Amino acid sequence: MAIYEKRTYDIRVGQMAQVIELYRDRGYPAMEAGGFDQNLVGYFISDTGTLHQLMHLWRFEDDTERRGFWKRLFADEVFMGFAAELRPNIAAQEVQLLQNAPWGPTP
């Protein structure tokens, strides 16, 4: 059964434009170049409810694949250079593992 990982970042107020620019210009291109975007379901920015949040959802076949993915990504020097620039804009992070319900569509 697939595992979905939702990562939610609370962005410091006033920093979302910089975060979007960093991801657009450096973060996502680094992920694409390294082939790390293959497990990505999507990126999302909150519009209602808790504001100033950036979320991304990932799909993995199992926990072994998930752990291996993050280990490889965190070893990528280009991506980690982007991450070092991004971190000061983040106030908090939450990681949630999800399993699909046994009915309805799945990503």
C-alpha atoms as a PDB file:
ATOM      1  CA  MET A   1       0.000   0.000   0.000  1.00  0.00           C
ATOM      2  CA  ALA A   2       1.371   3.406  -0.962  1.00  0.00           C
ATOM      3  CA  ILE A   3       2.442   5.959   1.626  1.00  0.00           C
ATOM      4  CA  TYR A   4       1.766   9.650   1.156  1.00  0.00           C
ATOM      5  CA  GLU A   5       3.879  12.216   2.948  1.00  0.00           C
ATOM      6  CA  LYS A   6       2.513  15.699   3.514  1.00  0.00           C
ATOM      7  CA  ARG A   7       5.071  18.323   4.499  1.00  0.00           C
ATOM      8  CA  THR A   8       3.713  21.627   5.760  1.00  0.00           C
ATOM      9  CA  TYR A   9       5.958  24.633   6.276  1.00  0.00           C
ATOM     10  CA  ASP A  10       4.785  27.697   8.179  1.00  0.00           C
ATOM     11  CA  ILE A  11       6.420  30.581   6.359  1.00  0.00           C
ATOM     12  CA  ARG A  12       7.350  33.707   8.276  1.00  0.00           C
ATOM     13  CA  VAL A  13       4.861  36.492   7.595  1.00  0.00           C
ATOM     14  CA  GLY A  14       6.056  38.656   4.717  1.00  0.00           C
ATOM     15  CA  GLN A  15       8.431  36.007   3.356  1.00  0.00           C
ATOM     16  CA  MET A  16       6.126  33.985   1.063  1.00  0.00           C
ATOM     17  CA  ALA A  17       7.131  35.926  -2.070  1.00  0.00           C
ATOM     18  CA  GLN A  18      10.793  35.157  -1.381  1.00  0.00           C
ATOM     19  CA  VAL A  19       9.997  31.486  -0.713  1.00  0.00           C
ATOM     20  CA  ILE A  20       8.060  31.225  -3.985  1.00  0.00           C
ATOM     21  CA  GLU A  21      10.961  32.827  -5.858  1.00  0.00           C
ATOM     22  CA  LEU A  22      13.502  30.497  -4.223  1.00  0.00           C
ATOM     23  CA  TYR A  23      11.478  27.380  -5.028  1.00  0.00           C
ATOM     24  CA  ARG A  24      10.727  28.527  -8.584  1.00  0.00           C
ATOM     25  CA  ASP A  25      14.274  29.563  -9.437  1.00  0.00           C
ATOM     26  CA  ARG A  26      16.424  27.150  -7.408  1.00  0.00           C
ATOM     27  CA  GLY A  27      14.542  24.488  -5.436  1.00  0.00           C
ATOM     28  CA  TYR A  28      12.288  22.917  -8.021  1.00  0.00           C
ATOM     29  CA  PRO A  29      14.894  23.083 -10.811  1.00  0.00           C
ATOM     30  CA  ALA A  30      17.320  21.244  -8.487  1.00  0.00           C
ATOM     31  CA  MET A  31      14.670  18.591  -7.834  1.00  0.00           C
ATOM     32  CA  GLU A  32      13.974  18.162 -11.546  1.00  0.00           C
ATOM     33  CA  ALA A  33      17.675  17.983 -12.423  1.00  0.00           C
ATOM     34  CA  GLY A  34      18.243  15.257  -9.852  1.00  0.00           C
ATOM     35  CA  GLY A  35      15.091  13.338 -10.803  1.00  0.00           C
ATOM     36  CA  PHE A  36      13.625  13.971  -7.353  1.00  0.00           C
ATOM     37  CA  ASP A  37      10.314  15.265  -8.717  1.00  0.00           C
ATOM     38  CA  GLN A  38       9.142  11.791  -9.760  1.00  0.00           C
ATOM     39  CA  ASN A  39       7.463  11.072  -6.411  1.00  0.00           C
ATOM     40  CA  LEU A  40       5.928  14.531  -6.120  1.00  0.00           C
ATOM     41  CA  VAL A  41       2.124  14.734  -6.180  1.00  0.00           C
ATOM     42  CA  GLY A  42       2.119  18.533  -5.911  1.00  0.00           C
ATOM     43  CA  TYR A  43       2.968  21.759  -4.128  1.00  0.00           C
ATOM     44  CA  PHE A  44       0.266  23.915  -2.558  1.00  0.00           C
ATOM     45  CA  ILE A  45       0.041  27.344  -0.899  1.00  0.00           C
ATOM     46  CA  SER A  46      -2.681  28.002   1.670  1.00  0.00           C
ATOM     47  CA  ASP A  47      -5.364  30.463   0.637  1.00  0.00           C
ATOM     48  CA  THR A  48      -7.802  30.084   3.556  1.00  0.00           C
ATOM     49  CA  GLY A  49      -7.566  28.751   7.094  1.00  0.00           C
ATOM     50  CA  THR A  50      -4.030  28.915   8.414  1.00  0.00           C
ATOM     51  CA  LEU A  51      -2.235  31.313   6.110  1.00  0.00           C
ATOM     52  CA  HIS A  52       1.428  31.582   5.124  1.00  0.00           C
ATOM     53  CA  GLN A  53       1.787  27.837   4.622  1.00  0.00           C
ATOM     54  CA  LEU A  54       3.550  25.930   1.880  1.00  0.00           C
ATOM     55  CA  MET A  55       2.633  22.261   1.566  1.00  0.00           C
ATOM     56  CA  HIS A  56       3.898  19.490  -0.608  1.00  0.00           C
ATOM     57  CA  LEU A  57       2.564  15.977  -1.019  1.00  0.00           C
ATOM     58  CA  TRP A  58       4.697  12.985  -1.964  1.00  0.00           C
ATOM     59  CA  ARG A  59       3.821   9.400  -2.923  1.00  0.00           C
ATOM     60  CA  PHE A  60       6.023   6.412  -2.106  1.00  0.00           C
ATOM     61  CA  GLU A  61       5.457   2.683  -2.536  1.00  0.00           C
ATOM     62  CA  ASP A  62       6.631   1.989   1.013  1.00  0.00           C
ATOM     63  CA  ASP A  63       8.645   3.400   3.897  1.00  0.00           C
ATOM     64  CA  THR A  64      11.921   2.011   2.539  1.00  0.00           C
ATOM     65  CA  GLU A  65      11.462   3.984  -0.677  1.00  0.00           C
ATOM     66  CA  ARG A  66      10.487   7.083   1.314  1.00  0.00           C
ATOM     67  CA  ARG A  67      13.549   6.965   3.566  1.00  0.00           C
ATOM     68  CA  GLY A  68      15.867   6.312   0.622  1.00  0.00           C
ATOM     69  CA  PHE A  69      14.382   9.225  -1.289  1.00  0.00           C
ATOM     70  CA  TRP A  70      14.998  11.747   1.512  1.00  0.00           C
ATOM     71  CA  LYS A  71      18.501  10.378   2.109  1.00  0.00           C
ATOM     72  CA  ARG A  72      19.394  10.891  -1.581  1.00  0.00           C
ATOM     73  CA  LEU A  73      17.773  14.340  -1.747  1.00  0.00           C
ATOM     74  CA  PHE A  74      19.560  15.540   1.395  1.00  0.00           C
ATOM     75  CA  ALA A  75      22.869  14.355  -0.102  1.00  0.00           C
ATOM     76  CA  ASP A  76      22.333  16.492  -3.231  1.00  0.00           C
ATOM     77  CA  GLU A  77      24.616  19.532  -2.920  1.00  0.00           C
ATOM     78  CA  VAL A  78      22.620  21.743  -5.286  1.00  0.00           C
ATOM     79  CA  PHE A  79      19.346  21.092  -3.454  1.00  0.00           C
ATOM     80  CA  MET A  80      20.983  21.572  -0.050  1.00  0.00           C
ATOM     81  CA  GLY A  81      22.368  24.947  -1.183  1.00  0.00           C
ATOM     82  CA  PHE A  82      18.785  25.978  -1.926  1.00  0.00           C
ATOM     83  CA  ALA A  83      17.613  24.559   1.428  1.00  0.00           C
ATOM     84  CA  ALA A  84      20.189  26.648   3.303  1.00  0.00           C
ATOM     85  CA  GLU A  85      18.720  29.801   1.742  1.00  0.00           C
ATOM     86  CA  LEU A  86      15.151  28.684   2.406  1.00  0.00           C
ATOM     87  CA  ARG A  87      15.486  27.773   6.115  1.00  0.00           C
ATOM     88  CA  PRO A  88      15.522  31.316   7.578  1.00  0.00           C
ATOM     89  CA  ASN A  89      12.065  31.863   6.035  1.00  0.00           C
ATOM     90  CA  ILE A  90      10.515  28.872   7.816  1.00  0.00           C
ATOM     91  CA  ALA A  91       8.963  29.273  11.275  1.00  0.00           C
ATOM     92  CA  ALA A  92       7.838  25.640  11.707  1.00  0.00           C
ATOM     93  CA  GLN A  93       7.559  22.343   9.854  1.00  0.00           C
ATOM     94  CA  GLU A  94       5.128  19.445  10.187  1.00  0.00           C
ATOM     95  CA  VAL A  95       5.509  16.071   8.473  1.00  0.00           C
ATOM     96  CA  GLN A  96       2.496  13.796   8.281  1.00  0.00           C
ATOM     97  CA  LEU A  97       2.389  10.265   6.829  1.00  0.00           C
ATOM     98  CA  LEU A  98      -0.901   9.281   5.241  1.00  0.00           C
ATOM     99  CA  GLN A  99      -2.395   6.108   3.776  1.00  0.00           C
ATOM    100  CA  ASN A 100      -5.128   6.228   1.180  1.00  0.00           C
ATOM    101  CA  ALA A 101      -8.612   5.288   2.318  1.00  0.00           C
ATOM    102  CA  PRO A 102      -9.924   1.986   0.943  1.00  0.00           C
ATOM    103  CA  TRP A 103     -12.461   3.796  -1.278  1.00  0.00           C
ATOM    104  CA  GLY A 104     -12.437   6.573  -3.847  1.00  0.00           C
ATOM    105  CA  PRO A 105      -9.689   7.824  -6.104  1.00  0.00           C
ATOM    106  CA  THR A 106      -6.032   8.053  -5.140  1.00  0.00           C
ATOM    107  CA  PRO A 107      -3.356  10.263  -6.655  1.00  0.00           C
END
